[in-house]
PDB file of N, CA and C in Angstrom:
ATOM      1  N   MET A   1     129.841 104.335 103.513  1.00  0.00           N
ATOM      2  CA  MET A   1     128.683 105.884 102.474  1.00  0.00           C
ATOM      3  C   MET A   1     128.028 105.968 104.324  1.00  0.00           C
ATOM      4  N   THR A   2     127.983 107.223 104.174  1.00  0.00           N
ATOM      5  CA  THR A   2     127.131 107.749 105.271  1.00  0.00           C
ATOM      6  C   THR A   2     125.894 107.666 104.791  1.00  0.00           C
ATOM      7  N   LEU A   3     125.094 108.092 106.214  1.00  0.00           N
ATOM      8  CA  LEU A   3     123.482 108.248 106.160  1.00  0.00           C
ATOM      9  C   LEU A   3     123.250 109.136 104.554  1.00  0.00           C
ATOM     10  N   ASN A   4     123.642 110.220 105.003  1.00  0.00           N
ATOM     11  CA  ASN A   4     122.967 111.509 104.086  1.00  0.00           C
ATOM     12  C   ASN A   4     123.684 110.939 102.183  1.00  0.00           C
ATOM     13  N   GLU A   5     124.550 110.562 102.613  1.00  0.00           N
ATOM     14  CA  GLU A   5     125.013 110.037 101.303  1.00  0.00           C
ATOM     15  C   GLU A   5     123.859 108.826 100.740  1.00  0.00           C
ATOM     16  N   LYS A   6     123.491 107.634 101.571  1.00  0.00           N
ATOM     17  CA  LYS A   6     122.569 106.720 101.525  1.00  0.00           C
ATOM     18  C   LYS A   6     121.392 107.675 100.683  1.00  0.00           C
ATOM     19  N   GLN A   7     121.048 108.425 101.574  1.00  0.00           N
ATOM     20  CA  GLN A   7     119.707 109.108 100.849  1.00  0.00           C
ATOM     21  C   GLN A   7     119.753 110.185  99.731  1.00  0.00           C
ATOM     22  N   PHE A   8     120.542 110.537  99.304  1.00  0.00           N
ATOM     23  CA  PHE A   8     121.088 110.702  97.683  1.00  0.00           C
ATOM     24  C   PHE A   8     120.496 110.164  97.035  1.00  0.00           C
ATOM     25  N   ARG A   9     121.181 108.755  97.463  1.00  0.00           N
ATOM     26  CA  ARG A   9     121.631 107.725  96.357  1.00  0.00           C
ATOM     27  C   ARG A   9     119.581 107.219  96.451  1.00  0.00           C
ATOM     28  N   PHE A  10     118.990 107.312  97.357  1.00  0.00           N
ATOM     29  CA  PHE A  10     118.457 106.351  97.199  1.00  0.00           C
ATOM     30  C   PHE A  10     116.980 107.836  97.011  1.00  0.00           C
ATOM     31  N   ALA A  11     117.210 109.136  96.498  1.00  0.00           N
ATOM     32  CA  ALA A  11     116.441 109.967  95.930  1.00  0.00           C
ATOM     33  C   ALA A  11     116.557 109.545  94.553  1.00  0.00           C
ATOM     34  N   ARG A  12     117.643 109.076  93.889  1.00  0.00           N
ATOM     35  CA  ARG A  12     118.245 109.425  92.494  1.00  0.00           C
ATOM     36  C   ARG A  12     117.432 107.797  91.926  1.00  0.00           C
ATOM     37  N   GLU A  13     117.150 106.812  93.318  1.00  0.00           N
ATOM     38  CA  GLU A  13     117.038 105.275  92.519  1.00  0.00           C
ATOM     39  C   GLU A  13     115.467 105.432  92.949  1.00  0.00           C
ATOM     40  N   LEU A  14     114.723 106.205  93.541  1.00  0.00           N
ATOM     41  CA  LEU A  14     113.653 106.397  93.474  1.00  0.00           C
ATOM     42  C   LEU A  14     113.081 106.899  92.096  1.00  0.00           C
ATOM     43  N   ALA A  15     113.838 107.864  92.111  1.00  0.00           N
ATOM     44  CA  ALA A  15     112.898 108.212  91.002  1.00  0.00           C
ATOM     45  C   ALA A  15     113.233 107.594  89.800  1.00  0.00           C
ATOM     46  N   LYS A  16     113.871 106.716  89.451  1.00  0.00           N
ATOM     47  CA  LYS A  16     114.086 105.769  88.236  1.00  0.00           C
ATOM     48  C   LYS A  16     113.094 104.665  88.537  1.00  0.00           C
ATOM     49  N   LEU A  17     112.708 103.875  90.084  1.00  0.00           N
ATOM     50  CA  LEU A  17     112.081 103.688  90.018  1.00  0.00           C
ATOM     51  C   LEU A  17     110.093 104.075  89.940  1.00  0.00           C
ATOM     52  N   LEU A  18     110.016 105.763  89.974  1.00  0.00           N
ATOM     53  CA  LEU A  18     108.864 106.204  89.162  1.00  0.00           C
ATOM     54  C   LEU A  18     108.519 105.819  88.011  1.00  0.00           C
ATOM     55  N   GLN A  19     109.849 106.187  87.144  1.00  0.00           N
ATOM     56  CA  GLN A  19     109.603 105.810  85.819  1.00  0.00           C
ATOM     57  C   GLN A  19     109.379 105.035  85.149  1.00  0.00           C
ATOM     58  N   GLU A  20     110.110 103.887  86.119  1.00  0.00           N
ATOM     59  CA  GLU A  20     109.805 101.963  85.546  1.00  0.00           C
ATOM     60  C   GLU A  20     108.580 102.028  85.623  1.00  0.00           C
ATOM     61  N   ALA A  21     107.595 102.667  86.843  1.00  0.00           N
ATOM     62  CA  ALA A  21     106.424 101.663  87.339  1.00  0.00           C
ATOM     63  C   ALA A  21     105.781 102.291  86.099  1.00  0.00           C
ATOM     64  N   GLU A  22     106.020 103.917  85.710  1.00  0.00           N
ATOM     65  CA  GLU A  22     105.125 104.019  84.541  1.00  0.00           C
ATOM     66  C   GLU A  22     105.565 103.909  83.175  1.00  0.00           C
ATOM     67  N   ARG A  23     106.374 103.106  82.988  1.00  0.00           N
ATOM     68  CA  ARG A  23     107.178 102.453  82.290  1.00  0.00           C
ATOM     69  C   ARG A  23     105.896 101.173  81.890  1.00  0.00           C
ATOM     70  N   LEU A  24     105.565 100.268  82.833  1.00  0.00           N
ATOM     71  CA  LEU A  24     105.258  99.384  83.280  1.00  0.00           C
ATOM     72  C   LEU A  24     103.225  99.815  82.752  1.00  0.00           C
ATOM     73  N   GLY A  25     102.720 101.031  83.062  1.00  0.00           N
ATOM     74  CA  GLY A  25     101.535 100.984  82.934  1.00  0.00           C
ATOM     75  C   GLY A  25     100.935 101.606  84.045  1.00  0.00           C
ATOM     76  N   PHE A  26     101.949 101.716  85.076  1.00  0.00           N
ATOM     77  CA  PHE A  26     101.049 101.787  86.542  1.00  0.00           C
ATOM     78  C   PHE A  26     100.578 103.386  87.019  1.00  0.00           C
ATOM     79  N   ASP A  27     100.140 103.982  87.310  1.00  0.00           N
ATOM     80  CA  ASP A  27      99.606 105.598  88.177  1.00  0.00           C
ATOM     81  C   ASP A  27     100.161 104.725  89.222  1.00  0.00           C
ATOM     82  N   VAL A  28     101.379 106.207  90.011  1.00  0.00           N
ATOM     83  CA  VAL A  28     101.571 105.804  91.530  1.00  0.00           C
ATOM     84  C   VAL A  28     101.330 107.116  91.963  1.00  0.00           C
ATOM     85  N   THR A  29     101.195 107.056  93.483  1.00  0.00           N
ATOM     86  CA  THR A  29     100.992 107.856  94.855  1.00  0.00           C
ATOM     87  C   THR A  29     102.277 107.497  95.629  1.00  0.00           C
ATOM     88  N   MET A  30     102.600 108.960  96.031  1.00  0.00           N
ATOM     89  CA  MET A  30     103.338 107.822  97.483  1.00  0.00           C
ATOM     90  C   MET A  30     102.366 107.884  98.732  1.00  0.00           C
ATOM     91  N   GLY A  31     103.269 106.675  99.054  1.00  0.00           N
ATOM     92  CA  GLY A  31     102.173 106.411 100.347  1.00  0.00           C
ATOM     93  C   GLY A  31     103.547 106.612 101.347  1.00  0.00           C
ATOM     94  N   GLU A  32     104.218 106.019 102.441  1.00  0.00           N
ATOM     95  CA  GLU A  32     104.705 106.688 104.000  1.00  0.00           C
ATOM     96  C   GLU A  32     106.212 107.074 103.345  1.00  0.00           C
ATOM     97  N   VAL A  33     106.596 107.862 103.328  1.00  0.00           N
ATOM     98  CA  VAL A  33     108.294 108.079 102.601  1.00  0.00           C
ATOM     99  C   VAL A  33     109.493 108.456 104.424  1.00  0.00           C
ATOM    100  N   TRP A  34     108.760 109.157 105.201  1.00  0.00           N
ATOM    101  CA  TRP A  34     108.949 109.554 106.515  1.00  0.00           C
ATOM    102  C   TRP A  34     108.106 108.864 107.335  1.00  0.00           C
ATOM    103  N   ARG A  35     108.360 108.362 108.546  1.00  0.00           N
ATOM    104  CA  ARG A  35     108.256 107.685 109.709  1.00  0.00           C
ATOM    105  C   ARG A  35     108.979 108.234 110.436  1.00  0.00           C
ATOM    106  N   SER A  36     108.276 108.934 111.590  1.00  0.00           N
ATOM    107  CA  SER A  36     108.636 109.386 113.061  1.00  0.00           C
ATOM    108  C   SER A  36     109.397 108.347 113.930  1.00  0.00           C
ATOM    109  N   PRO A  37     109.954 107.975 114.895  1.00  0.00           N
ATOM    110  CA  PRO A  37     110.924 107.108 115.474  1.00  0.00           C
ATOM    111  C   PRO A  37     109.568 106.728 116.187  1.00  0.00           C
ATOM    112  N   GLU A  38     108.566 107.461 117.066  1.00  0.00           N
ATOM    113  CA  GLU A  38     107.368 107.000 117.409  1.00  0.00           C
ATOM    114  C   GLU A  38     105.956 106.379 117.092  1.00  0.00           C
ATOM    115  N   THR A  39     105.883 106.640 115.592  1.00  0.00           N
ATOM    116  CA  THR A  39     105.323 105.646 114.834  1.00  0.00           C
ATOM    117  C   THR A  39     105.338 104.388 114.795  1.00  0.00           C
ATOM    118  N   ALA A  40     107.282 104.327 114.220  1.00  0.00           N
ATOM    119  CA  ALA A  40     107.782 102.880 113.824  1.00  0.00           C
ATOM    120  C   ALA A  40     107.219 102.341 115.215  1.00  0.00           C
ATOM    121  N   MET A  41     107.278 102.963 116.610  1.00  0.00           N
ATOM    122  CA  MET A  41     107.735 101.959 117.937  1.00  0.00           C
ATOM    123  C   MET A  41     105.850 101.629 117.627  1.00  0.00           C
ATOM    124  N   LEU A  42     105.154 102.582 117.803  1.00  0.00           N
ATOM    125  CA  LEU A  42     103.603 102.487 117.659  1.00  0.00           C
ATOM    126  C   LEU A  42     103.317 101.159 116.741  1.00  0.00           C
ATOM    127  N   TYR A  43     103.448 101.466 115.358  1.00  0.00           N
ATOM    128  CA  TYR A  43     103.980 100.307 114.109  1.00  0.00           C
ATOM    129  C   TYR A  43     103.984  98.965 114.848  1.00  0.00           C
ATOM    130  N   ALA A  44     105.037  98.991 115.571  1.00  0.00           N
ATOM    131  CA  ALA A  44     105.645  97.923 115.629  1.00  0.00           C
ATOM    132  C   ALA A  44     104.949  96.975 116.832  1.00  0.00           C
ATOM    133  N   ARG A  45     104.232  97.796 117.723  1.00  0.00           N
ATOM    134  CA  ARG A  45     103.603  96.876 118.907  1.00  0.00           C
ATOM    135  C   ARG A  45     102.178  96.350 118.295  1.00  0.00           C
ATOM    136  N   GLN A  46     101.535  97.516 117.036  1.00  0.00           N
ATOM    137  CA  GLN A  46     100.392  96.728 116.521  1.00  0.00           C
ATOM    138  C   GLN A  46     100.427  95.397 115.270  1.00  0.00           C
ATOM    139  N   GLY A  47     102.422  95.164 115.258  1.00  0.00           N
ATOM    140  CA  GLY A  47     102.713  94.086 114.795  1.00  0.00           C
ATOM    141  C   GLY A  47     102.467  94.797 113.066  1.00  0.00           C
ATOM    142  N   LYS A  48     102.470  95.948 113.160  1.00  0.00           N
ATOM    143  CA  LYS A  48     102.241  96.586 111.208  1.00  0.00           C
ATOM    144  C   LYS A  48     103.541  96.750 110.650  1.00  0.00           C
ATOM    145  N   GLY A  49     104.556  96.973 111.582  1.00  0.00           N
ATOM    146  CA  GLY A  49     106.262  97.459 111.233  1.00  0.00           C
ATOM    147  C   GLY A  49     107.187  96.919 112.233  1.00  0.00           C
ATOM    148  N   ILE A  50     108.391  97.377 112.124  1.00  0.00           N
ATOM    149  CA  ILE A  50     109.366  97.485 112.737  1.00  0.00           C
ATOM    150  C   ILE A  50     110.079  98.751 113.798  1.00  0.00           C
ATOM    151  N   VAL A  51     110.271  98.560 114.684  1.00  0.00           N
ATOM    152  CA  VAL A  51     111.206  99.626 115.177  1.00  0.00           C
ATOM    153  C   VAL A  51     112.172 100.147 114.497  1.00  0.00           C
ATOM    154  N   ASN A  52     113.037  99.829 113.980  1.00  0.00           N
ATOM    155  CA  ASN A  52     114.348 100.753 113.316  1.00  0.00           C
ATOM    156  C   ASN A  52     113.891 100.347 111.669  1.00  0.00           C
ATOM    157  N   SER A  53     112.629 100.896 111.571  1.00  0.00           N
ATOM    158  CA  SER A  53     112.480 101.018 109.959  1.00  0.00           C
ATOM    159  C   SER A  53     113.397 102.118 109.306  1.00  0.00           C
ATOM    160  N   LEU A  54     113.816 101.901 108.307  1.00  0.00           N
ATOM    161  CA  LEU A  54     114.532 102.554 107.273  1.00  0.00           C
ATOM    162  C   LEU A  54     113.533 103.916 106.810  1.00  0.00           C
ATOM    163  N   HIS A  55     112.272 103.867 107.204  1.00  0.00           N
ATOM    164  CA  HIS A  55     111.262 105.184 106.789  1.00  0.00           C
ATOM    165  C   HIS A  55     112.098 106.318 107.594  1.00  0.00           C
ATOM    166  N   CYS A  56     112.568 105.637 108.776  1.00  0.00           N
ATOM    167  CA  CYS A  56     112.877 107.233 109.861  1.00  0.00           C
ATOM    168  C   CYS A  56     113.943 107.528 109.433  1.00  0.00           C
ATOM    169  N   LYS A  57     114.600 106.562 108.679  1.00  0.00           N
ATOM    170  CA  LYS A  57     115.796 107.132 107.986  1.00  0.00           C
ATOM    171  C   LYS A  57     116.062 107.804 105.918  1.00  0.00           C
ATOM    172  N   ARG A  58     114.687 107.920 105.992  1.00  0.00           N
ATOM    173  CA  ARG A  58     114.527 108.167 104.876  1.00  0.00           C
ATOM    174  C   ARG A  58     115.432 107.689 104.115  1.00  0.00           C
ATOM    175  N   LEU A  59     115.210 105.936 104.158  1.00  0.00           N
ATOM    176  CA  LEU A  59     115.721 104.874 102.952  1.00  0.00           C
ATOM    177  C   LEU A  59     114.613 104.069 103.009  1.00  0.00           C
ATOM    178  N   ALA A  60     113.382 104.965 102.678  1.00  0.00           N
ATOM    179  CA  ALA A  60     112.486 103.791 102.271  1.00  0.00           C
ATOM    180  C   ALA A  60     111.125 104.266 102.060  1.00  0.00           C
ATOM    181  N   VAL A  61     110.559 103.606 101.336  1.00  0.00           N
ATOM    182  CA  VAL A  61     108.839 104.384 100.618  1.00  0.00           C
ATOM    183  C   VAL A  61     107.861 103.355 100.070  1.00  0.00           C
ATOM    184  N   ASP A  62     106.744 103.388 100.291  1.00  0.00           N
ATOM    185  CA  ASP A  62     105.337 103.012 100.471  1.00  0.00           C
ATOM    186  C   ASP A  62     104.782 103.645  99.162  1.00  0.00           C
ATOM    187  N   LEU A  63     104.815 102.602  98.073  1.00  0.00           N
ATOM    188  CA  LEU A  63     104.328 103.590  96.965  1.00  0.00           C
ATOM    189  C   LEU A  63     102.787 102.823  96.622  1.00  0.00           C
ATOM    190  N   ASN A  64     101.788 103.804  96.307  1.00  0.00           N
ATOM    191  CA  ASN A  64      99.895 103.167  96.052  1.00  0.00           C
ATOM    192  C   ASN A  64     100.512 102.890  94.188  1.00  0.00           C
ATOM    193  N   LEU A  65     100.289 102.068  93.849  1.00  0.00           N
ATOM    194  CA  LEU A  65     100.295 101.784  92.736  1.00  0.00           C
ATOM    195  C   LEU A  65      98.592 101.821  92.131  1.00  0.00           C
ATOM    196  N   PHE A  66      98.302 101.997  90.825  1.00  0.00           N
ATOM    197  CA  PHE A  66      96.985 101.797  90.403  1.00  0.00           C
ATOM    198  C   PHE A  66      97.247 101.677  88.979  1.00  0.00           C
ATOM    199  N   ARG A  67      96.093 101.289  88.597  1.00  0.00           N
ATOM    200  CA  ARG A  67      95.956 100.426  87.254  1.00  0.00           C
ATOM    201  C   ARG A  67      94.549 100.536  86.722  1.00  0.00           C
ATOM    202  N   ASN A  68      94.168 101.838  85.275  1.00  0.00           N
ATOM    203  CA  ASN A  68      93.042 101.743  85.425  1.00  0.00           C
ATOM    204  C   ASN A  68      92.273 102.527  86.307  1.00  0.00           C
ATOM    205  N   LYS A  69      92.712 103.048  87.274  1.00  0.00           N
ATOM    206  CA  LYS A  69      92.359 104.142  88.163  1.00  0.00           C
ATOM    207  C   LYS A  69      91.341 103.137  89.001  1.00  0.00           C
ATOM    208  N   LYS A  70      92.197 101.782  89.233  1.00  0.00           N
ATOM    209  CA  LYS A  70      91.959 100.106  90.873  1.00  0.00           C
ATOM    210  C   LYS A  70      93.279 100.416  91.118  1.00  0.00           C
ATOM    211  N   TYR A  71      92.789 100.815  92.280  1.00  0.00           N
ATOM    212  CA  TYR A  71      94.129 101.215  94.021  1.00  0.00           C
ATOM    213  C   TYR A  71      94.521  99.389  93.883  1.00  0.00           C
ATOM    214  N   LEU A  72      95.838  99.268  93.834  1.00  0.00           N
ATOM    215  CA  LEU A  72      96.337  97.767  93.780  1.00  0.00           C
ATOM    216  C   LEU A  72      96.630  97.752  94.785  1.00  0.00           C
ATOM    217  N   THR A  73      96.467  96.376  96.059  1.00  0.00           N
ATOM    218  CA  THR A  73      96.488  96.349  96.997  1.00  0.00           C
ATOM    219  C   THR A  73      97.018  94.767  97.530  1.00  0.00           C
ATOM    220  N   ASP A  74      96.882  94.190  96.662  1.00  0.00           N
ATOM    221  CA  ASP A  74      97.851  92.796  96.745  1.00  0.00           C
ATOM    222  C   ASP A  74      99.137  92.939  96.440  1.00  0.00           C
ATOM    223  N   THR A  75     100.386  92.307  97.023  1.00  0.00           N
ATOM    224  CA  THR A  75     101.569  91.791  96.644  1.00  0.00           C
ATOM    225  C   THR A  75     101.950  91.484  95.513  1.00  0.00           C
ATOM    226  N   GLU A  76     101.504  90.742  94.783  1.00  0.00           N
ATOM    227  CA  GLU A  76     101.045  90.105  93.736  1.00  0.00           C
ATOM    228  C   GLU A  76     101.345  91.501  92.781  1.00  0.00           C
ATOM    229  N   SER A  77     100.665  92.226  92.835  1.00  0.00           N
ATOM    230  CA  SER A  77     100.204  93.118  91.504  1.00  0.00           C
ATOM    231  C   SER A  77     102.028  94.147  91.548  1.00  0.00           C
ATOM    232  N   TYR A  78     102.591  94.134  92.320  1.00  0.00           N
ATOM    233  CA  TYR A  78     103.666  94.891  92.937  1.00  0.00           C
ATOM    234  C   TYR A  78     104.943  93.989  92.237  1.00  0.00           C
ATOM    235  N   ARG A  79     104.642  92.756  91.985  1.00  0.00           N
ATOM    236  CA  ARG A  79     105.954  91.480  92.128  1.00  0.00           C
ATOM    237  C   ARG A  79     106.844  92.283  90.576  1.00  0.00           C
ATOM    238  N   GLN A  80     105.993  92.805  89.485  1.00  0.00           N
ATOM    239  CA  GLN A  80     106.961  92.868  88.414  1.00  0.00           C
ATOM    240  C   GLN A  80     107.846  94.135  88.655  1.00  0.00           C
ATOM    241  N   LEU A  81     107.435  94.939  89.494  1.00  0.00           N
ATOM    242  CA  LEU A  81     108.297  96.759  89.944  1.00  0.00           C
ATOM    243  C   LEU A  81     109.191  96.268  90.545  1.00  0.00           C
ATOM    244  N   GLY A  82     108.593  95.113  92.095  1.00  0.00           N
ATOM    245  CA  GLY A  82     109.512  94.560  93.156  1.00  0.00           C
ATOM    246  C   GLY A  82     110.772  94.256  92.922  1.00  0.00           C
ATOM    247  N   GLU A  83     110.969  93.023  91.462  1.00  0.00           N
ATOM    248  CA  GLU A  83     111.947  92.375  91.347  1.00  0.00           C
ATOM    249  C   GLU A  83     112.866  93.361  90.226  1.00  0.00           C
ATOM    250  N   TRP A  84     112.226  94.187  89.288  1.00  0.00           N
ATOM    251  CA  TRP A  84     112.939  94.907  89.190  1.00  0.00           C
ATOM    252  C   TRP A  84     114.160  96.321  90.102  1.00  0.00           C
ATOM    253  N   TRP A  85     113.008  96.660  90.615  1.00  0.00           N
ATOM    254  CA  TRP A  85     114.017  97.285  92.173  1.00  0.00           C
ATOM    255  C   TRP A  85     115.122  96.736  92.548  1.00  0.00           C
ATOM    256  N   GLU A  86     115.090  95.566  92.802  1.00  0.00           N
ATOM    257  CA  GLU A  86     115.947  94.567  93.518  1.00  0.00           C
ATOM    258  C   GLU A  86     117.283  94.292  92.139  1.00  0.00           C
ATOM    259  N   SER A  87     116.926  93.952  91.177  1.00  0.00           N
ATOM    260  CA  SER A  87     118.228  93.820  90.058  1.00  0.00           C
ATOM    261  C   SER A  87     118.392  95.157  90.000  1.00  0.00           C
ATOM    262  N   GLN A  88     118.713  96.323  90.671  1.00  0.00           N
ATOM    263  CA  GLN A  88     118.751  97.591  90.443  1.00  0.00           C
ATOM    264  C   GLN A  88     120.587  97.920  91.438  1.00  0.00           C
ATOM    265  N   SER A  89     120.170  96.378  92.249  1.00  0.00           N
ATOM    266  CA  SER A  89     121.467  96.400  93.242  1.00  0.00           C
ATOM    267  C   SER A  89     122.759  96.322  92.999  1.00  0.00           C
ATOM    268  N   THR A  90     123.666  97.029  93.592  1.00  0.00           N
ATOM    269  CA  THR A  90     125.130  96.725  93.180  1.00  0.00           C
ATOM    270  C   THR A  90     125.619  96.467  94.132  1.00  0.00           C
ATOM    271  N   ASP A  91     126.899  96.012  94.290  1.00  0.00           N
ATOM    272  CA  ASP A  91     127.981  95.823  95.394  1.00  0.00           C
ATOM    273  C   ASP A  91     128.024  96.421  96.689  1.00  0.00           C
ATOM    274  N   ASP A  92     127.734  97.591  96.381  1.00  0.00           N
ATOM    275  CA  ASP A  92     128.072  98.768  97.915  1.00  0.00           C
ATOM    276  C   ASP A  92     126.402  99.362  98.069  1.00  0.00           C
ATOM    277  N   CYS A  93     125.296  98.464  97.520  1.00  0.00           N
ATOM    278  CA  CYS A  93     124.173  99.262  98.588  1.00  0.00           C
ATOM    279  C   CYS A  93     122.915  98.322  97.513  1.00  0.00           C
ATOM    280  N   GLN A  94     122.239  97.547  98.024  1.00  0.00           N
ATOM    281  CA  GLN A  94     121.283  96.846  97.547  1.00  0.00           C
ATOM    282  C   GLN A  94     120.133  97.382  98.226  1.00  0.00           C
ATOM    283  N   MET A  95     119.001  96.824  96.527  1.00  0.00           N
ATOM    284  CA  MET A  95     117.868  97.550  97.114  1.00  0.00           C
ATOM    285  C   MET A  95     117.026  96.499  97.125  1.00  0.00           C
ATOM    286  N   ARG A  96     116.115  95.915  98.398  1.00  0.00           N
ATOM    287  CA  ARG A  96     115.247  95.714  98.774  1.00  0.00           C
ATOM    288  C   ARG A  96     113.616  95.965  98.635  1.00  0.00           C
ATOM    289  N   TRP A  97     112.747  94.888  98.444  1.00  0.00           N
ATOM    290  CA  TRP A  97     111.309  95.135  98.051  1.00  0.00           C
ATOM    291  C   TRP A  97     110.407  94.106  98.871  1.00  0.00           C
ATOM    292  N   GLY A  98     109.562  95.296  99.952  1.00  0.00           N
ATOM    293  CA  GLY A  98     108.780  94.196 100.637  1.00  0.00           C
ATOM    294  C   GLY A  98     108.081  92.970 100.339  1.00  0.00           C
ATOM    295  N   GLY A  99     107.741  92.626  99.626  1.00  0.00           N
ATOM    296  CA  GLY A  99     107.231  91.565  98.712  1.00  0.00           C
ATOM    297  C   GLY A  99     108.147  90.355  98.946  1.00  0.00           C
ATOM    298  N   HIS A 100     109.525  90.455  99.183  1.00  0.00           N
ATOM    299  CA  HIS A 100     110.449  89.387  99.292  1.00  0.00           C
ATOM    300  C   HIS A 100     110.417  88.996 101.312  1.00  0.00           C
ATOM    301  N   PHE A 101     109.876  90.080 102.040  1.00  0.00           N
ATOM    302  CA  PHE A 101     110.005  90.213 103.442  1.00  0.00           C
ATOM    303  C   PHE A 101     109.734  89.007 103.930  1.00  0.00           C
ATOM    304  N   SER A 102     110.369  87.578 104.705  1.00  0.00           N
ATOM    305  CA  SER A 102     110.113  87.031 105.515  1.00  0.00           C
ATOM    306  C   SER A 102     109.087  86.327 106.164  1.00  0.00           C
ATOM    307  N   LYS A 103     108.842  87.495 107.121  1.00  0.00           N
ATOM    308  CA  LYS A 103     107.657  87.324 108.241  1.00  0.00           C
ATOM    309  C   LYS A 103     106.375  87.839 107.677  1.00  0.00           C
ATOM    310  N   ARG A 104     106.643  88.669 107.261  1.00  0.00           N
ATOM    311  CA  ARG A 104     104.854  89.364 106.182  1.00  0.00           C
ATOM    312  C   ARG A 104     105.383  90.420 104.971  1.00  0.00           C
ATOM    313  N   ALA A 105     105.080  89.602 104.078  1.00  0.00           N
ATOM    314  CA  ALA A 105     105.020  90.617 102.690  1.00  0.00           C
ATOM    315  C   ALA A 105     104.827  91.634 102.551  1.00  0.00           C
ATOM    316  N   ASP A 106     105.306  92.627 102.249  1.00  0.00           N
ATOM    317  CA  ASP A 106     104.803  93.714 101.969  1.00  0.00           C
ATOM    318  C   ASP A 106     105.156  94.479 101.105  1.00  0.00           C
ATOM    319  N   GLY A 107     104.666  94.471  99.736  1.00  0.00           N
ATOM    320  CA  GLY A 107     104.262  94.815  98.605  1.00  0.00           C
ATOM    321  C   GLY A 107     104.560  96.051  98.144  1.00  0.00           C
ATOM    322  N   ASN A 108     104.352  96.786  98.709  1.00  0.00           N
ATOM    323  CA  ASN A 108     104.039  98.387  98.415  1.00  0.00           C
ATOM    324  C   ASN A 108     105.459  98.847  99.189  1.00  0.00           C
ATOM    325  N   HIS A 109     106.398  98.048  99.639  1.00  0.00           N
ATOM    326  CA  HIS A 109     107.459  98.849 100.251  1.00  0.00           C
ATOM    327  C   HIS A 109     108.601  98.477  99.280  1.00  0.00           C
ATOM    328  N   PHE A 110     109.585  99.846  99.265  1.00  0.00           N
ATOM    329  CA  PHE A 110     110.865  99.633  98.662  1.00  0.00           C
ATOM    330  C   PHE A 110     111.931 100.525  98.952  1.00  0.00           C
ATOM    331  N   GLU A 111     113.249  99.924  99.752  1.00  0.00           N
ATOM    332  CA  GLU A 111     113.891 100.371 100.102  1.00  0.00           C
ATOM    333  C   GLU A 111     115.556 100.365  99.910  1.00  0.00           C
ATOM    334  N   ILE A 112     116.575 101.298 100.483  1.00  0.00           N
ATOM    335  CA  ILE A 112     117.744 100.938  99.735  1.00  0.00           C
ATOM    336  C   ILE A 112     118.318 100.695 101.229  1.00  0.00           C
ATOM    337  N   VAL A 113     119.654  99.611 101.326  1.00  0.00           N
ATOM    338  CA  VAL A 113     120.496  99.514 102.178  1.00  0.00           C
ATOM    339  C   VAL A 113     121.727  99.166 101.659  1.00  0.00           C
ATOM    340  N   GLY A 114     122.863  99.294 102.608  1.00  0.00           N
ATOM    341  CA  GLY A 114     123.687  99.592 101.637  1.00  0.00           C
ATOM    342  C   GLY A 114     125.108 100.246 102.896  1.00  0.00           C
TER     343      GLY A 114
END
């Protein structure tokens, strides 16, 4: 699958993710969708990200979830949505949720690899 095909797929899957968030009762705003390589490098130096971030390839998004107008910042609040996202994986495309990252949980992060 080419990068462009992955980006198309991610956009389609992101639409489904937003619908699922609404179904679960969340209000959503977009956090970071695209990240420049320079910003990725800076975040990596600060310990807040990695140099090879999928945000740089437009294959990741950070979502901001709200419930009753309260911004939810803890990974646990994103668990149900994150596990739903991962359940959408197929043989040719894996959906990964940042809440399961081993080094540093990143609950509001959703990405596609394939």
